Every structure is written in structure tokens, then in C-alpha cells.
Protein backbone atom coordinates (compact mmCIF):
# COMPACT_ATOMS: atom_id res chain seq x y z
CA MET A 1 0.09 -0.12 0.04
CA ALA A 2 1.20 3.00 -0.59
CA ASP A 3 3.05 5.48 2.03
CA ASP A 4 0.40 7.95 2.07
CA VAL A 5 -2.27 5.32 3.73
CA HIS A 6 -0.21 4.12 6.09
CA ALA A 7 0.67 7.37 7.50
CA ALA A 8 -3.79 8.50 7.11
CA ARG A 9 -4.07 5.29 9.48
CA ILE A 10 -1.37 6.72 12.09
CA ALA A 11 -3.01 9.89 12.20
CA ALA A 12 -5.79 8.10 12.79
CA MET A 13 -5.06 5.94 15.58
CA GLN A 14 -2.10 8.99 16.94
CA ALA A 15 -5.53 11.45 17.39
CA ARG A 16 -7.51 8.69 19.46
CA MET A 17 -4.37 8.32 21.75
CA ARG A 18 -3.95 12.27 22.72
CA MET A 19 -7.83 12.02 23.68
CA LYS A 20 -6.62 8.65 25.75
CA ARG A 21 -3.96 10.92 27.50
CA LEU A 22 -0.75 8.30 26.29
CA THR A 23 2.43 8.64 26.24
CA ALA A 24 3.32 6.62 23.79
CA TRP A 25 1.12 3.48 22.25
CA ILE A 26 3.40 1.04 20.79
CA LEU A 27 3.26 -2.13 18.18
CA VAL A 28 5.00 -5.27 17.98
CA PRO A 29 4.70 -7.94 15.24
CA GLY A 30 1.38 -9.16 14.06
CA PRO A 31 -1.43 -7.26 12.52
CA ASN A 32 -1.79 -4.06 13.75
CA MET A 33 1.80 -3.34 12.91
CA LEU A 34 0.90 -4.44 9.48
CA TYR A 35 -1.46 -2.73 9.22
CA PHE A 36 -0.23 0.45 10.42
CA THR A 37 3.36 0.60 8.82
CA GLY A 38 2.81 -2.08 5.71
CA TRP A 39 5.95 -4.38 7.96
CA HIS A 40 4.47 -8.03 7.40
CA ALA A 41 7.27 -8.66 11.04
CA HIS A 42 7.53 -11.65 12.24
CA THR A 43 7.29 -13.26 15.61
CA SER A 44 10.24 -14.39 16.94
CA GLU A 45 11.92 -15.38 20.11
CA ARG A 46 14.03 -11.57 19.35
CA LEU A 47 12.52 -8.44 20.71
CA LEU A 48 11.10 -5.85 18.08
CA MET A 49 9.00 -2.66 18.53
CA ALA A 50 7.76 0.39 16.72
CA VAL A 51 7.16 3.34 19.38
CA TYR A 52 4.87 6.09 18.29
CA PRO A 53 5.14 8.74 21.09
CA VAL A 54 1.73 10.82 21.01
CA GLU A 55 4.12 13.81 20.22
CA GLY A 56 7.19 13.49 19.04
CA ASP A 57 8.87 11.28 16.07
CA PRO A 58 8.21 7.40 16.24
CA PHE A 59 10.89 5.04 17.06
CA LEU A 60 12.04 1.32 17.04
CA VAL A 61 13.74 -1.05 18.83
CA THR A 62 15.29 -3.90 17.09
CA PRO A 63 17.38 -6.06 16.98
CA ALA A 64 20.72 -4.85 14.87
CA PHE A 65 20.81 -7.23 11.81
CA GLU A 66 16.94 -6.15 11.56
CA ALA A 67 17.56 -2.30 11.26
CA GLU A 68 17.08 -1.22 7.64
CA ARG A 69 14.91 -3.23 7.10
CA ALA A 70 12.87 -1.72 9.92
CA ARG A 71 13.71 0.97 8.47
CA GLU A 72 12.35 0.69 5.09
CA ALA A 73 9.71 -0.85 5.91
CA THR A 74 8.15 0.95 8.64
CA GLY A 75 9.80 4.79 7.67
CA ILE A 76 10.67 4.89 10.85
CA ALA A 77 14.69 6.22 10.38
CA ARG A 78 15.39 6.09 14.60
CA ALA A 79 15.89 3.50 15.88
CA PHE A 80 18.00 1.98 18.99
CA THR A 81 19.39 -1.73 17.77
CA TRP A 82 20.66 -4.80 19.36
CA ARG A 83 22.55 -7.71 18.88
CA ASP A 84 22.16 -11.46 20.21
CA GLU A 85 25.33 -11.87 22.21
CA SER A 86 24.92 -8.74 24.87
CA GLY A 87 20.51 -8.74 24.29
CA PRO A 88 18.46 -6.15 24.03
CA ALA A 89 18.69 -4.73 27.68
CA SER A 90 20.25 -1.77 26.76
CA ALA A 91 18.65 -0.53 23.94
CA VAL A 92 15.09 -0.65 25.90
CA ALA A 93 17.09 1.50 28.01
CA ARG A 94 18.09 3.91 25.91
CA ALA A 95 14.64 3.86 24.69
CA PHE A 96 12.49 4.30 27.53
CA GLY A 97 15.05 5.42 29.93
CA PRO A 98 13.86 9.05 29.56
CA TRP A 99 10.69 8.02 30.71
CA GLY A 100 12.27 6.12 33.69
CA THR A 101 11.67 8.63 36.62
CA SER A 102 8.06 10.11 35.11
CA ARG A 103 4.73 8.32 35.13
CA PRO A 104 4.17 7.57 31.53
CA ARG A 105 1.17 6.20 29.45
CA LEU A 106 1.62 3.54 27.80
CA GLY A 107 -0.84 1.86 25.27
CA GLY A 108 -0.41 -1.98 24.14
CA GLU A 109 -1.75 -4.70 22.20
CA PHE A 110 -2.31 -7.12 24.85
CA LEU A 111 -3.67 -9.70 22.63
CA THR A 112 -0.67 -9.75 20.96
CA MET A 113 2.21 -8.32 23.60
CA ARG A 114 4.27 -10.71 25.01
CA LEU A 115 5.04 -10.67 28.87
CA LEU A 116 8.77 -10.08 27.32
CA GLU A 117 8.36 -7.28 25.82
CA ARG A 118 6.66 -5.30 28.68
CA SER A 119 8.59 -6.92 31.02
CA ALA A 120 11.13 -5.19 29.16
CA ILE A 121 9.62 -1.38 29.40
CA ASP A 122 8.99 -2.11 33.72
CA GLY A 123 12.09 -2.35 34.34
CA ASP A 124 12.95 0.96 32.60
CA CYS A 125 9.26 2.26 32.81
CA PRO A 126 8.58 1.15 37.11
CA ARG A 127 5.85 3.39 38.05
CA THR A 128 3.88 3.04 33.78
CA GLU A 129 0.50 2.96 33.58
CA TRP A 130 -0.73 0.49 30.69
CA GLU A 131 -3.74 1.04 28.28
CA ASP A 132 -5.24 -1.91 25.77
CA ILE A 133 -5.10 -0.09 22.72
CA VAL A 134 -6.64 -2.74 20.27
CA PRO A 135 -9.93 -1.85 20.87
CA ASP A 136 -8.88 1.40 19.16
CA ALA A 137 -7.10 0.05 16.41
CA ALA A 138 -9.99 -2.75 15.26
CA ALA A 139 -12.04 0.27 15.49
CA LEU A 140 -10.21 1.15 12.23
CA ARG A 141 -9.23 -2.00 10.81
CA MET A 142 -12.32 -2.61 10.89
CA ILE A 143 -13.92 0.25 7.90
CA LYS A 144 -11.75 -1.39 4.75
CA ASP A 145 -10.65 0.55 1.79
CA ALA A 146 -11.05 -0.31 -1.46
CA THR A 147 -7.04 -1.07 -1.96
CA GLU A 148 -8.27 -4.23 1.00
CA ILE A 149 -11.57 -4.83 -0.26
CA ALA A 150 -9.30 -5.92 -3.21
CA ALA A 151 -7.38 -8.01 -2.10
CA MET A 152 -9.98 -10.12 0.23
CA ASP A 153 -11.69 -10.32 -3.81
CA ARG A 154 -8.25 -11.91 -5.01
CA ALA A 155 -8.35 -13.99 -1.57
CA VAL A 156 -11.21 -15.00 -2.56
CA ALA A 157 -10.35 -16.10 -6.56
CA MET A 158 -8.08 -18.06 -5.12
CA ALA A 159 -9.73 -20.12 -2.61
CA GLU A 160 -12.76 -20.93 -4.58
CA THR A 161 -9.92 -22.19 -7.24
CA ALA A 162 -8.67 -24.42 -3.72
CA LEU A 163 -12.09 -25.83 -3.08
CA GLU A 164 -13.06 -26.36 -6.61
CA ALA A 165 -9.41 -28.46 -6.79
CA GLY A 166 -10.57 -31.02 -4.52
CA ARG A 167 -13.92 -31.30 -4.51
CA PRO A 168 -13.55 -34.07 -8.13
CA LEU A 169 -11.58 -35.79 -4.55
CA ILE A 170 -15.00 -36.35 -2.41
CA ALA A 171 -16.92 -39.64 -3.86
CA ALA A 172 -16.50 -42.63 -2.13
CA GLY A 173 -13.46 -44.64 -1.09
CA LYS A 174 -11.60 -41.21 -1.15
CA THR A 175 -9.70 -40.11 2.36
CA GLU A 176 -10.34 -36.31 4.21
CA ARG A 177 -7.15 -36.31 3.72
CA ASP A 178 -7.18 -36.98 0.33
CA VAL A 179 -9.27 -33.85 -0.28
CA GLN A 180 -7.35 -31.96 2.49
CA ARG A 181 -4.24 -33.24 -0.09
CA ALA A 182 -5.98 -31.54 -3.59
CA ILE A 183 -6.42 -28.43 -1.92
CA LEU A 184 -3.29 -27.69 -0.34
CA ARG A 185 -1.11 -28.64 -3.08
CA SER A 186 -3.25 -25.62 -5.03
CA LEU A 187 -2.95 -23.22 -3.17
CA MET A 188 0.73 -24.16 -3.13
CA GLU A 189 0.50 -23.49 -7.06
CA GLN A 190 -1.14 -20.13 -6.69
CA ASP A 191 1.41 -18.60 -3.95
CA THR A 192 -0.73 -18.71 -1.67
CA ALA A 193 -1.73 -20.91 2.27
CA SER A 194 -5.25 -20.83 4.76
CA GLY A 195 -4.29 -18.55 7.35
CA PHE A 196 -5.98 -21.75 10.03
CA GLY A 197 -5.57 -24.73 7.62
CA VAL A 198 -7.78 -26.83 5.84
CA LEU A 199 -10.83 -28.59 7.61
CA VAL A 200 -12.22 -30.84 5.80
CA ALA A 201 -14.78 -33.02 7.75
CA SER A 202 -16.83 -36.11 6.93
CA GLY A 203 -19.93 -38.49 8.13
CA PRO A 204 -20.49 -38.22 12.05
CA ARG A 205 -17.16 -36.10 12.41
CA GLY A 206 -18.65 -33.59 10.74
CA ALA A 207 -20.87 -33.06 14.12
CA LEU A 208 -17.56 -31.09 15.90
CA PRO A 209 -17.73 -27.78 14.42
CA HIS A 210 -13.86 -26.96 14.53
CA ALA A 211 -13.12 -30.86 13.35
CA GLY A 212 -9.22 -31.20 11.93
CA THR A 213 -8.95 -33.40 9.00
CA GLY A 214 -8.47 -36.53 9.97
CA ASP A 215 -7.85 -40.40 7.84
CA ARG A 216 -11.45 -41.35 7.90
CA VAL A 217 -12.84 -42.70 4.22
CA LEU A 218 -15.15 -41.31 2.84
CA GLU A 219 -18.97 -43.43 2.78
CA ASP A 220 -22.27 -43.13 0.38
CA GLY A 221 -24.74 -40.53 2.51
CA ASP A 222 -21.59 -38.37 3.68
CA LEU A 223 -22.24 -34.77 4.31
CA VAL A 224 -18.46 -33.53 4.04
CA TRP A 225 -17.51 -29.31 5.16
CA ILE A 226 -14.51 -28.04 4.07
CA ASP A 227 -13.51 -24.90 5.93
CA MET A 228 -10.51 -23.20 4.52
CA GLY A 229 -8.76 -19.86 2.60
CA ALA A 230 -6.42 -18.27 1.33
CA THR A 231 -4.77 -14.79 1.38
CA SER A 232 -3.62 -11.77 -0.34
CA ASP A 233 -1.27 -9.16 0.50
CA GLY A 234 -1.98 -10.32 4.05
CA TYR A 235 -6.06 -10.64 3.82
CA ASN A 236 -7.89 -13.30 4.06
CA ALA A 237 -10.76 -15.52 2.33
CA ASP A 238 -12.83 -17.25 4.83
CA ILE A 239 -15.24 -20.26 3.03
CA THR A 240 -17.09 -23.39 4.13
CA ARG A 241 -19.36 -25.46 1.37
CA THR A 242 -20.85 -28.88 2.47
CA PHE A 243 -21.08 -31.62 -0.09
CA CYS A 244 -22.29 -34.15 -0.50
CA VAL A 245 -21.18 -38.54 -1.66
CA GLY A 246 -24.09 -40.05 -2.89
CA LYS A 247 -27.72 -39.46 -1.45
CA PRO A 248 -27.69 -38.53 1.81
CA PRO A 249 -31.03 -39.88 5.00
CA GLN A 250 -33.27 -37.73 4.55
CA LYS A 251 -32.81 -36.07 8.20
CA LEU A 252 -29.76 -34.61 6.99
CA ALA A 253 -31.01 -33.09 3.73
CA ASP A 254 -33.50 -31.70 6.05
CA ALA A 255 -31.64 -30.04 7.83
CA TYR A 256 -29.01 -28.81 4.61
CA ARG A 257 -32.31 -27.46 3.57
CA THR A 258 -33.11 -25.57 6.70
CA VAL A 259 -28.95 -24.10 6.85
CA LEU A 260 -29.21 -23.44 3.69
CA ALA A 261 -32.47 -20.96 4.00
CA ALA A 262 -30.73 -19.46 7.26
CA GLN A 263 -27.69 -19.03 5.30
CA GLU A 264 -29.67 -17.32 2.09
CA ALA A 265 -31.78 -14.97 5.04
CA ALA A 266 -28.42 -13.61 6.67
CA ARG A 267 -25.90 -13.41 3.78
CA LYS A 268 -29.13 -11.32 2.29
CA GLY A 269 -29.60 -8.77 5.33
CA GLY A 270 -26.71 -6.99 5.69
CA ARG A 271 -26.36 -2.83 4.72
CA PRO A 272 -26.28 -0.34 6.51
CA GLY A 273 -27.48 0.69 10.20
CA VAL A 274 -28.54 -2.57 10.47
CA THR A 275 -27.25 -4.34 14.06
CA CYS A 276 -24.73 -6.72 13.93
CA GLU A 277 -26.69 -9.20 16.26
CA SER A 278 -30.03 -9.36 14.39
CA ILE A 279 -27.80 -10.77 11.56
CA ASP A 280 -26.77 -13.24 14.01
CA LEU A 281 -31.27 -12.97 14.33
CA LEU A 282 -32.06 -13.35 11.28
CA ALA A 283 -30.26 -17.10 10.48
CA ARG A 284 -31.39 -18.60 13.85
CA GLN A 285 -34.55 -17.94 14.05
CA VAL A 286 -34.94 -20.53 10.17
CA ILE A 287 -33.22 -23.32 12.37
CA ALA A 288 -34.86 -22.48 14.74
CA GLY A 289 -38.55 -22.23 13.33
CA ALA A 290 -37.03 -25.58 11.72
CA GLY A 291 -37.00 -27.29 15.12
CA LEU A 292 -33.31 -27.47 14.93
CA GLY A 293 -31.54 -24.92 17.08
CA GLU A 294 -30.35 -27.11 19.47
CA TYR A 295 -27.72 -28.15 16.85
CA PHE A 296 -27.17 -24.38 16.06
CA THR A 297 -23.89 -23.77 19.19
CA HIS A 298 -21.79 -20.60 17.32
CA ARG A 299 -22.28 -17.42 16.23
CA THR A 300 -23.43 -16.96 12.72
CA GLY A 301 -20.34 -15.06 12.04
CA HIS A 302 -17.00 -12.82 12.74
CA GLY A 303 -15.42 -10.33 10.90
CA LEU A 304 -12.51 -11.19 8.54
CA GLY A 305 -9.10 -8.78 7.16
CA LEU A 306 -6.06 -9.43 8.47
CA GLU A 307 -7.17 -11.46 11.15
CA GLY A 308 -9.14 -14.24 9.94
CA HIS A 309 -11.13 -13.37 13.50
CA GLU A 310 -12.02 -9.45 13.97
CA THR A 311 -14.40 -7.56 14.41
CA PRO A 312 -17.29 -6.80 14.36
CA TYR A 313 -18.68 -10.02 15.57
CA ILE A 314 -22.29 -11.15 14.38
CA VAL A 315 -23.23 -13.07 17.25
CA ASP A 316 -26.64 -12.31 19.32
CA GLY A 317 -25.55 -9.02 22.30
CA ASN A 318 -23.51 -7.65 19.80
CA ALA A 319 -25.68 -3.85 18.63
CA GLU A 320 -22.87 -2.71 16.57
CA VAL A 321 -24.49 -1.57 13.18
CA LEU A 322 -23.02 -1.98 10.44
CA GLN A 323 -21.00 0.54 8.08
CA PRO A 324 -19.83 -0.04 4.15
CA GLY A 325 -16.26 -0.80 3.99
CA MET A 326 -17.46 -4.07 6.81
CA VAL A 327 -16.27 -7.16 5.84
CA TYR A 328 -18.10 -10.28 7.41
CA THR A 329 -19.10 -14.10 7.67
CA VAL A 330 -21.92 -15.42 7.17
CA GLU A 331 -22.23 -19.45 8.28
CA PRO A 332 -24.85 -20.96 10.45
CA GLY A 333 -24.37 -24.40 10.64
CA VAL A 334 -26.42 -27.29 12.27
CA TYR A 335 -24.51 -30.14 13.92
CA ILE A 336 -26.47 -33.45 14.85
CA PRO A 337 -24.53 -36.12 16.89
CA GLY A 338 -23.75 -39.00 15.60
CA HIS A 339 -25.05 -37.94 12.29
CA GLY A 340 -23.21 -35.10 10.38
CA GLY A 341 -23.42 -31.32 10.35
CA ILE A 342 -23.98 -29.18 7.64
CA ARG A 343 -22.19 -25.18 7.63
CA ILE A 344 -22.79 -22.91 4.71
CA GLU A 345 -19.91 -19.72 4.79
CA ASP A 346 -19.89 -16.98 2.84
CA ASP A 347 -17.68 -13.61 3.51
CA VAL A 348 -19.92 -10.40 2.67
CA VAL A 349 -18.71 -6.64 2.81
CA VAL A 350 -20.86 -3.45 2.91
CA SER A 351 -21.90 -1.58 0.84
CA ALA A 352 -23.64 1.78 0.36
CA ASP A 353 -27.25 0.80 0.11
CA GLY A 354 -26.90 -2.94 1.27
CA SER A 355 -24.22 -5.80 1.01
CA ARG A 356 -22.28 -7.79 -0.99
CA SER A 357 -20.49 -11.56 -1.31
CA LEU A 358 -17.38 -11.89 -2.08
CA THR A 359 -17.44 -14.94 -2.25
CA GLY A 360 -19.98 -16.78 -5.31
CA TYR A 361 -19.18 -20.75 -5.13
CA ARG A 362 -21.55 -22.50 -5.61
CA ARG A 363 -23.86 -23.12 -1.95
CA ASP A 364 -26.26 -25.87 -3.30
CA TRP A 365 -24.22 -29.28 -3.71
CA LEU A 366 -27.51 -31.45 -1.68
CA GLU A 367 -28.09 -32.65 -5.66
CA ALA A 368 -24.16 -32.82 -6.67
């Protein structure tokens, strides 16, 4: 992304931090560092931070061998470096020491920052007051711009190509792992990957909503769900489809049609001004009305972007109002112990006057 995009994001975050009267806010490797700086740094045993004082220039605390790359990737010129043989203590002291005699208010990522970073800073600033910046970053990241949505469109196209590569393996005598391998091969050929893996569950195993892929051999009458994704420029796609091996038992066929109707109602219900919980209710009412409410055991969806799960969450009790640019999944499911499970998942972006499904892969495989 262009540097001016990251500068605008940093400025928006700085404004929020001033309102909270913070001394500085700190990014560690992860999705927020990517969002605000454009650098896809990886978490390791080595301490690495980008620090943004609310007043003054930002600086890095970085391993010396990463300094040049860190400066180039983040646009931050000032760096406190350290070497493996000496460790980061001296660099942290030089970076945070000036605040050591005061009572700084520092913003950290409570979901991502480790005790490694926090204890290192607290050693030089023992009177630090900490504030969680995750909600502020999430509020900014929740509204995607055209570049972000384009990246997700690309990720969806790759995911759907890979899903189609696995479909011919959904046949009696094949295994869940056969299907998984075909999908993984396609993702690799497209130079992408699923951020959370490729999950294939068949028959009674499908009644576990997060079943991992196993070695079960597919049988006639099985329902088989596949949950997978792809990434483009760090942005995720997330899609689930449920397939049939031959003709399933009537109980599962009826449940399939119910989930399909619930998913369509919720998918088409998104538009600016409606609440997240109302989308959840649209799906839940259909499933409950068919007498299957006890088998719908999770929320209807979650936000999607640089992380596979992020705000907004499509769940009962979340009164967050949908706004243009929000992207979320719609994935109701029914899981009947001892019989099987059905989940149908699409990625939806809210537009100015409605919503659009990024995913378009065929949803009704009951008669396939």
C-alpha cells in the first residue's frame, strides 16, 4: 500500500491516543504492525517494537541485523538496536529510560504483546500505566478501503479455485486427507495459503464444528464440509461448503436445506444501519423454526481482514451497527451428534446501500 495510506492510519490512531492522554503507543509484530506500517514482521524470540510517542518522532527497538529492513519497511528513521550476544536490555533502557522517572501512560496490544516486551519496558519504567490499544486499532481496521477489499477479492478467487480442485476427490473410497491434499496443492500452486489450515470433516465427524482433518474414508450418504481460505497481501478469505457423497439420509437432507435457507437470509440481510445481532437472528430464526435450534451451537459470523477472526462479530448481544466497508462472514451451521454437520459460509462486504458477497462458489450441493 502507498505510504500516504499508512500515514493517514497512523494519524487517525494518534488522534485517538491523544484523547486517551497516552505518552506513547507500541506495536509489536502482528496484524496491527502490518496495518499501520506495511511491514509484515514475524514474531520470534527476539524483541522488536515500533513506538509512536504521542508528541515527537517514532522510533524502533530492533535487533541490529534487522535495523535496515525495519527502517525501510516502516519509514521510521530512528532505531535503538541490539545484538544477539548482548541482548535487548541496553537498547530498551536507551529507548524508554527518559520516561523512567515519570509515570508514562503507554498503549500496548493486550492480545499480542508478550510478557517479554512488557517486562523489558517495566524494568526501566516501573511506574508505567498501561492502556489496551486493541479496541482503537480494531475500530479503524473494521472499515476496509477499496484496496483492502480488492485484496480480499483476490484471496477469495484463489480460495474458490482451490476448493474446486478438491471437489472431485469427494467420493466414496477417498479420505478426508485426500481432499485436503488436493486443496493444499492448489493453494501452493497459486502462491497462497489458508491462514487457518484446510479442515475437512465427513460423516459423523462433521458434527464437530472445528473437527480437524482426519483419515476417515468417505462413504455413500456422507455430508462433507470443507472450511478453508487463502490470503492476498495479508488479507484473508474464509469459505465453507458442505458437499454430499451420493444421497444423504432424509434427516440430513432436510437439515441441509434449512441451513441453506438460514444462510441466504442472513447473507442478504446485511446493509448499513442494521445491527450485527440482527444478522445473527435472521439465521437463528430459520434454524430454530425448523426445530434444529439446539444444533446451532456457535455465532453466525465474525469480521474478516488481516486476521481470520476480527471485529465485528455477528452474534446475539452485539449491537454494533453495520457500516460501509465492514467485511464479515455468514456461516450458520447445524451439527447433529452421531449423524453429521452442515455449515455454509460466505464473506460479505457492506456497501453504501446494501451488501455484496465476495464469495460466489456454488452453495447447493445436495443433488450433486
